[in-house]
Structure formats: structure tokens, C-alpha cells
ModelCIF file with pLDDT and N, C-alpha, C, O atoms, coordinates in Angstrom:
data_MODEL
#
_entry.id   MODEL 
#
_entity.id                         1 
_entity.type                       polymer 
_entity.pdbx_number_of_molecules   1 
#
_entity_poly.entity_id                      1 
_entity_poly.type                           'polypeptide(L)' 
_entity_poly.nstd_linkage                   no 
_entity_poly.nstd_monomer                   no 
_entity_poly.pdbx_seq_one_letter_code       DGTVFDTTLGGEPVTFPLNGVVPGWREGVLKMHEGETAMIGIPP 
_entity_poly.pdbx_seq_one_letter_code_can   DGTVFDTTLGGEPVTFPLNGVVPGWREGVLKMHEGETAMIGIPP 
_entity_poly.pdbx_strand_id                 A 
#
loop_
_entity_poly_seq.entity_id 
_entity_poly_seq.num 
_entity_poly_seq.mon_id 
_entity_poly_seq.hetero 
1 1  ASP n 
1 2  GLY n 
1 3  THR n 
1 4  VAL n 
1 5  PHE n 
1 6  ASP n 
1 7  THR n 
1 8  THR n 
1 9  LEU n 
1 10 GLY n 
1 11 GLY n 
1 12 GLU n 
1 13 PRO n 
1 14 VAL n 
1 15 THR n 
1 16 PHE n 
1 17 PRO n 
1 18 LEU n 
1 19 ASN n 
1 20 GLY n 
1 21 VAL n 
1 22 VAL n 
1 23 PRO n 
1 24 GLY n 
1 25 TRP n 
1 26 ARG n 
1 27 GLU n 
1 28 GLY n 
1 29 VAL n 
1 30 LEU n 
1 31 LYS n 
1 32 MET n 
1 33 HIS n 
1 34 GLU n 
1 35 GLY n 
1 36 GLU n 
1 37 THR n 
1 38 ALA n 
1 39 MET n 
1 40 ILE n 
1 41 GLY n 
1 42 ILE n 
1 43 PRO n 
1 44 PRO n 
#
_struct_asym.id          A 
_struct_asym.entity_id   1 
#
loop_
_ma_qa_metric.id 
_ma_qa_metric.mode 
_ma_qa_metric.name 
_ma_qa_metric.software_group_id 
_ma_qa_metric.type 
1 global pLDDT . pLDDT 
2 local  pLDDT . pLDDT 
#
_ma_qa_metric_global.metric_id      1 
_ma_qa_metric_global.metric_value   94.27 
_ma_qa_metric_global.model_id       1 
_ma_qa_metric_global.ordinal_id     1 
#
loop_
_ma_qa_metric_local.label_asym_id 
_ma_qa_metric_local.label_comp_id 
_ma_qa_metric_local.label_seq_id 
_ma_qa_metric_local.metric_id 
_ma_qa_metric_local.metric_value 
_ma_qa_metric_local.model_id 
_ma_qa_metric_local.ordinal_id 
A ASP 1  2 91.00 1 1  
A GLY 2  2 93.00 1 2  
A THR 3  2 92.00 1 3  
A VAL 4  2 94.00 1 4  
A PHE 5  2 92.00 1 5  
A ASP 6  2 92.00 1 6  
A THR 7  2 95.00 1 7  
A THR 8  2 95.00 1 8  
A LEU 9  2 90.00 1 9  
A GLY 10 2 89.00 1 10 
A GLY 11 2 93.00 1 11 
A GLU 12 2 95.00 1 12 
A PRO 13 2 95.00 1 13 
A VAL 14 2 94.00 1 14 
A THR 15 2 93.00 1 15 
A PHE 16 2 88.00 1 16 
A PRO 17 2 92.00 1 17 
A LEU 18 2 93.00 1 18 
A ASN 19 2 90.00 1 19 
A GLY 20 2 90.00 1 20 
A VAL 21 2 92.00 1 21 
A VAL 22 2 93.00 1 22 
A PRO 23 2 94.00 1 23 
A GLY 24 2 96.00 1 24 
A TRP 25 2 96.00 1 25 
A ARG 26 2 95.00 1 26 
A GLU 27 2 96.00 1 27 
A GLY 28 2 97.00 1 28 
A VAL 29 2 96.00 1 29 
A LEU 30 2 96.00 1 30 
A LYS 31 2 96.00 1 31 
A MET 32 2 96.00 1 32 
A HIS 33 2 96.00 1 33 
A GLU 34 2 95.00 1 34 
A GLY 35 2 96.00 1 35 
A GLU 36 2 97.00 1 36 
A THR 37 2 97.00 1 37 
A ALA 38 2 97.00 1 38 
A MET 39 2 98.00 1 39 
A ILE 40 2 98.00 1 40 
A GLY 41 2 97.00 1 41 
A ILE 42 2 97.00 1 42 
A PRO 43 2 96.00 1 43 
A PRO 44 2 95.00 1 44 
#
loop_
_atom_site.group_PDB 
_atom_site.id 
_atom_site.type_symbol 
_atom_site.label_atom_id 
_atom_site.label_alt_id 
_atom_site.label_comp_id 
_atom_site.label_asym_id 
_atom_site.label_entity_id 
_atom_site.label_seq_id 
_atom_site.pdbx_PDB_ins_code 
_atom_site.Cartn_x 
_atom_site.Cartn_y 
_atom_site.Cartn_z 
_atom_site.occupancy 
_atom_site.B_iso_or_equiv 
_atom_site.pdbx_formal_charge 
_atom_site.auth_seq_id 
_atom_site.auth_comp_id 
_atom_site.auth_asym_id 
_atom_site.auth_atom_id 
_atom_site.pdbx_PDB_model_num 
ATOM 1   N N  . ASP A 1 1  ? 0.816  -1.215  0.000  1.00 91.00 ? 1  ASP A N  1 
ATOM 2   C CA . ASP A 1 1  ? 0.000  0.000   0.000  1.00 91.00 ? 1  ASP A CA 1 
ATOM 3   C C  . ASP A 1 1  ? 0.851  1.267   0.000  1.00 91.00 ? 1  ASP A C  1 
ATOM 4   O O  . ASP A 1 1  ? 0.322  2.373   0.111  1.00 91.00 ? 1  ASP A O  1 
ATOM 5   N N  . GLY A 1 2  ? 2.169  1.108   -0.124 1.00 93.00 ? 2  GLY A N  1 
ATOM 6   C CA . GLY A 1 2  ? 3.058  2.256   -0.171 1.00 93.00 ? 2  GLY A CA 1 
ATOM 7   C C  . GLY A 1 2  ? 3.623  2.678   1.171  1.00 93.00 ? 2  GLY A C  1 
ATOM 8   O O  . GLY A 1 2  ? 4.446  3.591   1.237  1.00 93.00 ? 2  GLY A O  1 
ATOM 9   N N  . THR A 1 3  ? 3.191  2.024   2.244  1.00 92.00 ? 3  THR A N  1 
ATOM 10  C CA . THR A 1 3  ? 3.703  2.356   3.574  1.00 92.00 ? 3  THR A CA 1 
ATOM 11  C C  . THR A 1 3  ? 5.198  2.074   3.644  1.00 92.00 ? 3  THR A C  1 
ATOM 12  O O  . THR A 1 3  ? 5.640  0.968   3.332  1.00 92.00 ? 3  THR A O  1 
ATOM 13  N N  . VAL A 1 4  ? 5.973  3.069   4.051  1.00 94.00 ? 4  VAL A N  1 
ATOM 14  C CA . VAL A 1 4  ? 7.421  2.905   4.217  1.00 94.00 ? 4  VAL A CA 1 
ATOM 15  C C  . VAL A 1 4  ? 7.676  2.376   5.626  1.00 94.00 ? 4  VAL A C  1 
ATOM 16  O O  . VAL A 1 4  ? 7.388  3.058   6.610  1.00 94.00 ? 4  VAL A O  1 
ATOM 17  N N  . PHE A 1 5  ? 8.213  1.166   5.724  1.00 92.00 ? 5  PHE A N  1 
ATOM 18  C CA . PHE A 1 5  ? 8.471  0.600   7.049  1.00 92.00 ? 5  PHE A CA 1 
ATOM 19  C C  . PHE A 1 5  ? 9.931  0.713   7.454  1.00 92.00 ? 5  PHE A C  1 
ATOM 20  O O  . PHE A 1 5  ? 10.265 0.530   8.624  1.00 92.00 ? 5  PHE A O  1 
ATOM 21  N N  . ASP A 1 6  ? 10.805 1.012   6.499  1.00 92.00 ? 6  ASP A N  1 
ATOM 22  C CA . ASP A 1 6  ? 12.218 1.170   6.830  1.00 92.00 ? 6  ASP A CA 1 
ATOM 23  C C  . ASP A 1 6  ? 12.957 1.773   5.645  1.00 92.00 ? 6  ASP A C  1 
ATOM 24  O O  . ASP A 1 6  ? 12.669 1.435   4.497  1.00 92.00 ? 6  ASP A O  1 
ATOM 25  N N  . THR A 1 7  ? 13.913 2.669   5.913  1.00 95.00 ? 7  THR A N  1 
ATOM 26  C CA . THR A 1 7  ? 14.680 3.279   4.840  1.00 95.00 ? 7  THR A CA 1 
ATOM 27  C C  . THR A 1 7  ? 15.971 3.879   5.376  1.00 95.00 ? 7  THR A C  1 
ATOM 28  O O  . THR A 1 7  ? 16.041 4.292   6.533  1.00 95.00 ? 7  THR A O  1 
ATOM 29  N N  . THR A 1 8  ? 16.979 3.923   4.535  1.00 95.00 ? 8  THR A N  1 
ATOM 30  C CA . THR A 1 8  ? 18.222 4.619   4.879  1.00 95.00 ? 8  THR A CA 1 
ATOM 31  C C  . THR A 1 8  ? 18.365 5.896   4.064  1.00 95.00 ? 8  THR A C  1 
ATOM 32  O O  . THR A 1 8  ? 19.322 6.648   4.253  1.00 95.00 ? 8  THR A O  1 
ATOM 33  N N  . LEU A 1 9  ? 17.428 6.149   3.165  1.00 90.00 ? 9  LEU A N  1 
ATOM 34  C CA . LEU A 1 9  ? 17.509 7.329   2.314  1.00 90.00 ? 9  LEU A CA 1 
ATOM 35  C C  . LEU A 1 9  ? 17.497 8.592   3.177  1.00 90.00 ? 9  LEU A C  1 
ATOM 36  O O  . LEU A 1 9  ? 16.697 8.713   4.105  1.00 90.00 ? 9  LEU A O  1 
ATOM 37  N N  . GLY A 1 10 ? 18.370 9.505   2.870  1.00 89.00 ? 10 GLY A N  1 
ATOM 38  C CA . GLY A 1 10 ? 18.477 10.710  3.677  1.00 89.00 ? 10 GLY A CA 1 
ATOM 39  C C  . GLY A 1 10 ? 19.446 10.553  4.826  1.00 89.00 ? 10 GLY A C  1 
ATOM 40  O O  . GLY A 1 10 ? 19.678 11.494  5.584  1.00 89.00 ? 10 GLY A O  1 
ATOM 41  N N  . GLY A 1 11 ? 20.020 9.349   4.960  1.00 93.00 ? 11 GLY A N  1 
ATOM 42  C CA . GLY A 1 11 ? 20.963 9.083   6.040  1.00 93.00 ? 11 GLY A CA 1 
ATOM 43  C C  . GLY A 1 11 ? 22.189 8.359   5.526  1.00 93.00 ? 11 GLY A C  1 
ATOM 44  O O  . GLY A 1 11 ? 22.493 8.391   4.333  1.00 93.00 ? 11 GLY A O  1 
ATOM 45  N N  . GLU A 1 12 ? 22.880 7.715   6.428  1.00 95.00 ? 12 GLU A N  1 
ATOM 46  C CA . GLU A 1 12 ? 24.081 6.981   6.073  1.00 95.00 ? 12 GLU A CA 1 
ATOM 47  C C  . GLU A 1 12 ? 23.728 5.566   5.615  1.00 95.00 ? 12 GLU A C  1 
ATOM 48  O O  . GLU A 1 12 ? 22.753 4.992   6.101  1.00 95.00 ? 12 GLU A O  1 
ATOM 49  N N  . PRO A 1 13 ? 24.507 4.991   4.685  1.00 95.00 ? 13 PRO A N  1 
ATOM 50  C CA . PRO A 1 13 ? 24.287 3.586   4.317  1.00 95.00 ? 13 PRO A CA 1 
ATOM 51  C C  . PRO A 1 13 ? 24.600 2.684   5.497  1.00 95.00 ? 13 PRO A C  1 
ATOM 52  O O  . PRO A 1 13 ? 25.256 3.107   6.449  1.00 95.00 ? 13 PRO A O  1 
ATOM 53  N N  . VAL A 1 14 ? 24.137 1.456   5.440  1.00 94.00 ? 14 VAL A N  1 
ATOM 54  C CA . VAL A 1 14 ? 24.359 0.514   6.541  1.00 94.00 ? 14 VAL A CA 1 
ATOM 55  C C  . VAL A 1 14 ? 25.189 -0.674  6.077  1.00 94.00 ? 14 VAL A C  1 
ATOM 56  O O  . VAL A 1 14 ? 25.240 -0.998  4.890  1.00 94.00 ? 14 VAL A O  1 
ATOM 57  N N  . THR A 1 15 ? 25.827 -1.304  7.030  1.00 93.00 ? 15 THR A N  1 
ATOM 58  C CA . THR A 1 15 ? 26.677 -2.465  6.772  1.00 93.00 ? 15 THR A CA 1 
ATOM 59  C C  . THR A 1 15 ? 26.214 -3.611  7.651  1.00 93.00 ? 15 THR A C  1 
ATOM 60  O O  . THR A 1 15 ? 26.042 -3.438  8.858  1.00 93.00 ? 15 THR A O  1 
ATOM 61  N N  . PHE A 1 16 ? 26.008 -4.793  7.053  1.00 88.00 ? 16 PHE A N  1 
ATOM 62  C CA . PHE A 1 16 ? 25.571 -5.942  7.832  1.00 88.00 ? 16 PHE A CA 1 
ATOM 63  C C  . PHE A 1 16 ? 25.813 -7.240  7.066  1.00 88.00 ? 16 PHE A C  1 
ATOM 64  O O  . PHE A 1 16 ? 26.009 -7.207  5.851  1.00 88.00 ? 16 PHE A O  1 
ATOM 65  N N  . PRO A 1 17 ? 25.802 -8.375  7.750  1.00 92.00 ? 17 PRO A N  1 
ATOM 66  C CA . PRO A 1 17 ? 26.008 -9.680  7.099  1.00 92.00 ? 17 PRO A CA 1 
ATOM 67  C C  . PRO A 1 17 ? 24.722 -10.190 6.465  1.00 92.00 ? 17 PRO A C  1 
ATOM 68  O O  . PRO A 1 17 ? 23.645 -10.050 7.046  1.00 92.00 ? 17 PRO A O  1 
ATOM 69  N N  . LEU A 1 18 ? 24.822 -10.772 5.295  1.00 93.00 ? 18 LEU A N  1 
ATOM 70  C CA . LEU A 1 18 ? 23.640 -11.291 4.606  1.00 93.00 ? 18 LEU A CA 1 
ATOM 71  C C  . LEU A 1 18 ? 23.010 -12.474 5.318  1.00 93.00 ? 18 LEU A C  1 
ATOM 72  O O  . LEU A 1 18 ? 21.826 -12.750 5.129  1.00 93.00 ? 18 LEU A O  1 
ATOM 73  N N  . ASN A 1 19 ? 23.787 -13.179 6.134  1.00 90.00 ? 19 ASN A N  1 
ATOM 74  C CA . ASN A 1 19 ? 23.213 -14.345 6.814  1.00 90.00 ? 19 ASN A CA 1 
ATOM 75  C C  . ASN A 1 19 ? 22.297 -13.952 7.970  1.00 90.00 ? 19 ASN A C  1 
ATOM 76  O O  . ASN A 1 19 ? 21.764 -14.822 8.659  1.00 90.00 ? 19 ASN A O  1 
ATOM 77  N N  . GLY A 1 20 ? 22.108 -12.641 8.189  1.00 90.00 ? 20 GLY A N  1 
ATOM 78  C CA . GLY A 1 20 ? 21.239 -12.214 9.271  1.00 90.00 ? 20 GLY A CA 1 
ATOM 79  C C  . GLY A 1 20 ? 19.921 -11.622 8.815  1.00 90.00 ? 20 GLY A C  1 
ATOM 80  O O  . GLY A 1 20 ? 19.127 -11.179 9.645  1.00 90.00 ? 20 GLY A O  1 
ATOM 81  N N  . VAL A 1 21 ? 19.666 -11.603 7.499  1.00 92.00 ? 21 VAL A N  1 
ATOM 82  C CA . VAL A 1 21 ? 18.435 -10.999 6.996  1.00 92.00 ? 21 VAL A CA 1 
ATOM 83  C C  . VAL A 1 21 ? 17.454 -12.084 6.543  1.00 92.00 ? 21 VAL A C  1 
ATOM 84  O O  . VAL A 1 21 ? 17.800 -13.264 6.484  1.00 92.00 ? 21 VAL A O  1 
ATOM 85  N N  . VAL A 1 22 ? 16.230 -11.669 6.226  1.00 93.00 ? 22 VAL A N  1 
ATOM 86  C CA . VAL A 1 22 ? 15.218 -12.635 5.788  1.00 93.00 ? 22 VAL A CA 1 
ATOM 87  C C  . VAL A 1 22 ? 15.652 -13.253 4.456  1.00 93.00 ? 22 VAL A C  1 
ATOM 88  O O  . VAL A 1 22 ? 16.368 -12.610 3.689  1.00 93.00 ? 22 VAL A O  1 
ATOM 89  N N  . PRO A 1 23 ? 15.232 -14.486 4.169  1.00 94.00 ? 23 PRO A N  1 
ATOM 90  C CA . PRO A 1 23 ? 15.692 -15.205 2.969  1.00 94.00 ? 23 PRO A CA 1 
ATOM 91  C C  . PRO A 1 23 ? 15.483 -14.449 1.665  1.00 94.00 ? 23 PRO A C  1 
ATOM 92  O O  . PRO A 1 23 ? 16.382 -14.422 0.824  1.00 94.00 ? 23 PRO A O  1 
ATOM 93  N N  . GLY A 1 24 ? 14.320 -13.836 1.477  1.00 96.00 ? 24 GLY A N  1 
ATOM 94  C CA . GLY A 1 24 ? 14.044 -13.153 0.220  1.00 96.00 ? 24 GLY A CA 1 
ATOM 95  C C  . GLY A 1 24 ? 14.962 -11.973 -0.036 1.00 96.00 ? 24 GLY A C  1 
ATOM 96  O O  . GLY A 1 24 ? 15.371 -11.729 -1.171 1.00 96.00 ? 24 GLY A O  1 
ATOM 97  N N  . TRP A 1 25 ? 15.282 -11.249 1.012  1.00 96.00 ? 25 TRP A N  1 
ATOM 98  C CA . TRP A 1 25 ? 16.194 -10.102 0.882  1.00 96.00 ? 25 TRP A CA 1 
ATOM 99  C C  . TRP A 1 25 ? 17.584 -10.587 0.481  1.00 96.00 ? 25 TRP A C  1 
ATOM 100 O O  . TRP A 1 25 ? 18.238 -10.016 -0.391 1.00 96.00 ? 25 TRP A O  1 
ATOM 101 N N  . ARG A 1 26 ? 18.011 -11.655 1.143  1.00 95.00 ? 26 ARG A N  1 
ATOM 102 C CA . ARG A 1 26 ? 19.334 -12.225 0.847  1.00 95.00 ? 26 ARG A CA 1 
ATOM 103 C C  . ARG A 1 26 ? 19.395 -12.747 -0.587 1.00 95.00 ? 26 ARG A C  1 
ATOM 104 O O  . ARG A 1 26 ? 20.373 -12.505 -1.294 1.00 95.00 ? 26 ARG A O  1 
ATOM 105 N N  . GLU A 1 27 ? 18.352 -13.464 -1.021 1.00 96.00 ? 27 GLU A N  1 
ATOM 106 C CA . GLU A 1 27 ? 18.333 -14.018 -2.375 1.00 96.00 ? 27 GLU A CA 1 
ATOM 107 C C  . GLU A 1 27 ? 18.415 -12.912 -3.425 1.00 96.00 ? 27 GLU A C  1 
ATOM 108 O O  . GLU A 1 27 ? 19.111 -13.047 -4.432 1.00 96.00 ? 27 GLU A O  1 
ATOM 109 N N  . GLY A 1 28 ? 17.695 -11.814 -3.175 1.00 97.00 ? 28 GLY A N  1 
ATOM 110 C CA . GLY A 1 28 ? 17.712 -10.713 -4.119 1.00 97.00 ? 28 GLY A CA 1 
ATOM 111 C C  . GLY A 1 28 ? 19.083 -10.080 -4.240 1.00 97.00 ? 28 GLY A C  1 
ATOM 112 O O  . GLY A 1 28 ? 19.554 -9.820  -5.347 1.00 97.00 ? 28 GLY A O  1 
ATOM 113 N N  . VAL A 1 29 ? 19.724 -9.830  -3.111 1.00 96.00 ? 29 VAL A N  1 
ATOM 114 C CA . VAL A 1 29 ? 21.046 -9.204  -3.126 1.00 96.00 ? 29 VAL A CA 1 
ATOM 115 C C  . VAL A 1 29 ? 22.081 -10.130 -3.758 1.00 96.00 ? 29 VAL A C  1 
ATOM 116 O O  . VAL A 1 29 ? 23.020 -9.659  -4.401 1.00 96.00 ? 29 VAL A O  1 
ATOM 117 N N  . LEU A 1 30 ? 21.922 -11.434 -3.585 1.00 96.00 ? 30 LEU A N  1 
ATOM 118 C CA . LEU A 1 30 ? 22.869 -12.382 -4.168 1.00 96.00 ? 30 LEU A CA 1 
ATOM 119 C C  . LEU A 1 30 ? 22.839 -12.360 -5.697 1.00 96.00 ? 30 LEU A C  1 
ATOM 120 O O  . LEU A 1 30 ? 23.796 -12.792 -6.340 1.00 96.00 ? 30 LEU A O  1 
ATOM 121 N N  . LYS A 1 31 ? 21.760 -11.868 -6.276 1.00 96.00 ? 31 LYS A N  1 
ATOM 122 C CA . LYS A 1 31 ? 21.657 -11.774 -7.737 1.00 96.00 ? 31 LYS A CA 1 
ATOM 123 C C  . LYS A 1 31 ? 22.230 -10.456 -8.271 1.00 96.00 ? 31 LYS A C  1 
ATOM 124 O O  . LYS A 1 31 ? 22.372 -10.276 -9.481 1.00 96.00 ? 31 LYS A O  1 
ATOM 125 N N  . MET A 1 32 ? 22.554 -9.551  -7.363 1.00 96.00 ? 32 MET A N  1 
ATOM 126 C CA . MET A 1 32 ? 23.034 -8.240  -7.779 1.00 96.00 ? 32 MET A CA 1 
ATOM 127 C C  . MET A 1 32 ? 24.564 -8.215  -7.876 1.00 96.00 ? 32 MET A C  1 
ATOM 128 O O  . MET A 1 32 ? 25.261 -9.033  -7.275 1.00 96.00 ? 32 MET A O  1 
ATOM 129 N N  . HIS A 1 33 ? 25.056 -7.252  -8.649 1.00 96.00 ? 33 HIS A N  1 
ATOM 130 C CA . HIS A 1 33 ? 26.484 -7.003  -8.745 1.00 96.00 ? 33 HIS A CA 1 
ATOM 131 C C  . HIS A 1 33 ? 26.810 -5.709  -8.000 1.00 96.00 ? 33 HIS A C  1 
ATOM 132 O O  . HIS A 1 33 ? 25.974 -4.813  -7.885 1.00 96.00 ? 33 HIS A O  1 
ATOM 133 N N  . GLU A 1 34 ? 28.012 -5.634  -7.511 1.00 95.00 ? 34 GLU A N  1 
ATOM 134 C CA . GLU A 1 34 ? 28.424 -4.456  -6.759 1.00 95.00 ? 34 GLU A CA 1 
ATOM 135 C C  . GLU A 1 34 ? 28.220 -3.193  -7.584 1.00 95.00 ? 34 GLU A C  1 
ATOM 136 O O  . GLU A 1 34 ? 28.614 -3.125  -8.749 1.00 95.00 ? 34 GLU A O  1 
ATOM 137 N N  . GLY A 1 35 ? 27.607 -2.207  -6.972 1.00 96.00 ? 35 GLY A N  1 
ATOM 138 C CA . GLY A 1 35 ? 27.343 -0.943  -7.644 1.00 96.00 ? 35 GLY A CA 1 
ATOM 139 C C  . GLY A 1 35 ? 25.967 -0.843  -8.270 1.00 96.00 ? 35 GLY A C  1 
ATOM 140 O O  . GLY A 1 35 ? 25.556 0.243   -8.679 1.00 96.00 ? 35 GLY A O  1 
ATOM 141 N N  . GLU A 1 36 ? 25.242 -1.954  -8.353 1.00 97.00 ? 36 GLU A N  1 
ATOM 142 C CA . GLU A 1 36 ? 23.913 -1.947  -8.964 1.00 97.00 ? 36 GLU A CA 1 
ATOM 143 C C  . GLU A 1 36 ? 22.856 -1.404  -8.008 1.00 97.00 ? 36 GLU A C  1 
ATOM 144 O O  . GLU A 1 36 ? 23.003 -1.436  -6.786 1.00 97.00 ? 36 GLU A O  1 
ATOM 145 N N  . THR A 1 37 ? 21.784 -0.904  -8.623 1.00 97.00 ? 37 THR A N  1 
ATOM 146 C CA . THR A 1 37 ? 20.567 -0.544  -7.893 1.00 97.00 ? 37 THR A CA 1 
ATOM 147 C C  . THR A 1 37 ? 19.442 -1.388  -8.463 1.00 97.00 ? 37 THR A C  1 
ATOM 148 O O  . THR A 1 37 ? 19.298 -1.484  -9.682 1.00 97.00 ? 37 THR A O  1 
ATOM 149 N N  . ALA A 1 38 ? 18.647 -1.997  -7.604 1.00 97.00 ? 38 ALA A N  1 
ATOM 150 C CA . ALA A 1 38 ? 17.593 -2.897  -8.074 1.00 97.00 ? 38 ALA A CA 1 
ATOM 151 C C  . ALA A 1 38 ? 16.360 -2.804  -7.188 1.00 97.00 ? 38 ALA A C  1 
ATOM 152 O O  . ALA A 1 38 ? 16.439 -2.455  -6.010 1.00 97.00 ? 38 ALA A O  1 
ATOM 153 N N  . MET A 1 39 ? 15.214 -3.127  -7.789 1.00 98.00 ? 39 MET A N  1 
ATOM 154 C CA . MET A 1 39 ? 13.979 -3.324  -7.029 1.00 98.00 ? 39 MET A CA 1 
ATOM 155 C C  . MET A 1 39 ? 13.855 -4.812  -6.750 1.00 98.00 ? 39 MET A C  1 
ATOM 156 O O  . MET A 1 39 ? 14.080 -5.640  -7.632 1.00 98.00 ? 39 MET A O  1 
ATOM 157 N N  . ILE A 1 40 ? 13.496 -5.142  -5.520 1.00 98.00 ? 40 ILE A N  1 
ATOM 158 C CA . ILE A 1 40 ? 13.330 -6.544  -5.136 1.00 98.00 ? 40 ILE A CA 1 
ATOM 159 C C  . ILE A 1 40 ? 11.952 -6.726  -4.517 1.00 98.00 ? 40 ILE A C  1 
ATOM 160 O O  . ILE A 1 40 ? 11.599 -6.045  -3.555 1.00 98.00 ? 40 ILE A O  1 
ATOM 161 N N  . GLY A 1 41 ? 11.173 -7.654  -5.079 1.00 97.00 ? 41 GLY A N  1 
ATOM 162 C CA . GLY A 1 41 ? 9.861  -7.984  -4.551 1.00 97.00 ? 41 GLY A CA 1 
ATOM 163 C C  . GLY A 1 41 ? 9.922  -9.318  -3.834 1.00 97.00 ? 41 GLY A C  1 
ATOM 164 O O  . GLY A 1 41 ? 10.389 -10.310 -4.393 1.00 97.00 ? 41 GLY A O  1 
ATOM 165 N N  . ILE A 1 42 ? 9.452  -9.342  -2.600 1.00 97.00 ? 42 ILE A N  1 
ATOM 166 C CA . ILE A 1 42 ? 9.596  -10.543 -1.763 1.00 97.00 ? 42 ILE A CA 1 
ATOM 167 C C  . ILE A 1 42 ? 8.224  -11.030 -1.293 1.00 97.00 ? 42 ILE A C  1 
ATOM 168 O O  . ILE A 1 42 ? 7.522  -10.298 -0.595 1.00 97.00 ? 42 ILE A O  1 
ATOM 169 N N  . PRO A 1 43 ? 7.826  -12.264 -1.666 1.00 96.00 ? 43 PRO A N  1 
ATOM 170 C CA . PRO A 1 43 ? 6.569  -12.827 -1.170 1.00 96.00 ? 43 PRO A CA 1 
ATOM 171 C C  . PRO A 1 43 ? 6.645  -13.025 0.344  1.00 96.00 ? 43 PRO A C  1 
ATOM 172 O O  . PRO A 1 43 ? 7.739  -13.184 0.885  1.00 96.00 ? 43 PRO A O  1 
ATOM 173 N N  . PRO A 1 44 ? 5.507  -13.020 1.035  1.00 95.00 ? 44 PRO A N  1 
ATOM 174 C CA . PRO A 1 44 ? 5.510  -13.128 2.501  1.00 95.00 ? 44 PRO A CA 1 
ATOM 175 C C  . PRO A 1 44 ? 6.201  -14.368 3.042  1.00 95.00 ? 44 PRO A C  1 
ATOM 176 O O  . PRO A 1 44 ? 6.263  -14.561 4.256  1.00 95.00 ? 44 PRO A O  1 
#
């Protein structure tokens, strides 16, 4: 519905290990290359 539940925009980027995030987020980032920007849609 467009509700923003979390964002780093307007602030500093964050650093964290991929093994600590939800599976869909990790899978999406694993398909990306360094420097890319992508939209990732994750089923519940």
C-alpha cells in the first residue's frame, strides 16, 4: 500500500552480514552485482 516501514535514504548507508536478513532479501542481493541498484519484490 506504499507504507514505508524502513529506509536509509536521507541518512548513512548501513553495513551488515547477509546471513542475518530474511531469505528473500538475501536471495535478491545475491543476484546483484556491486554498484547496482535494483527493485526486489519478496513474497511473505
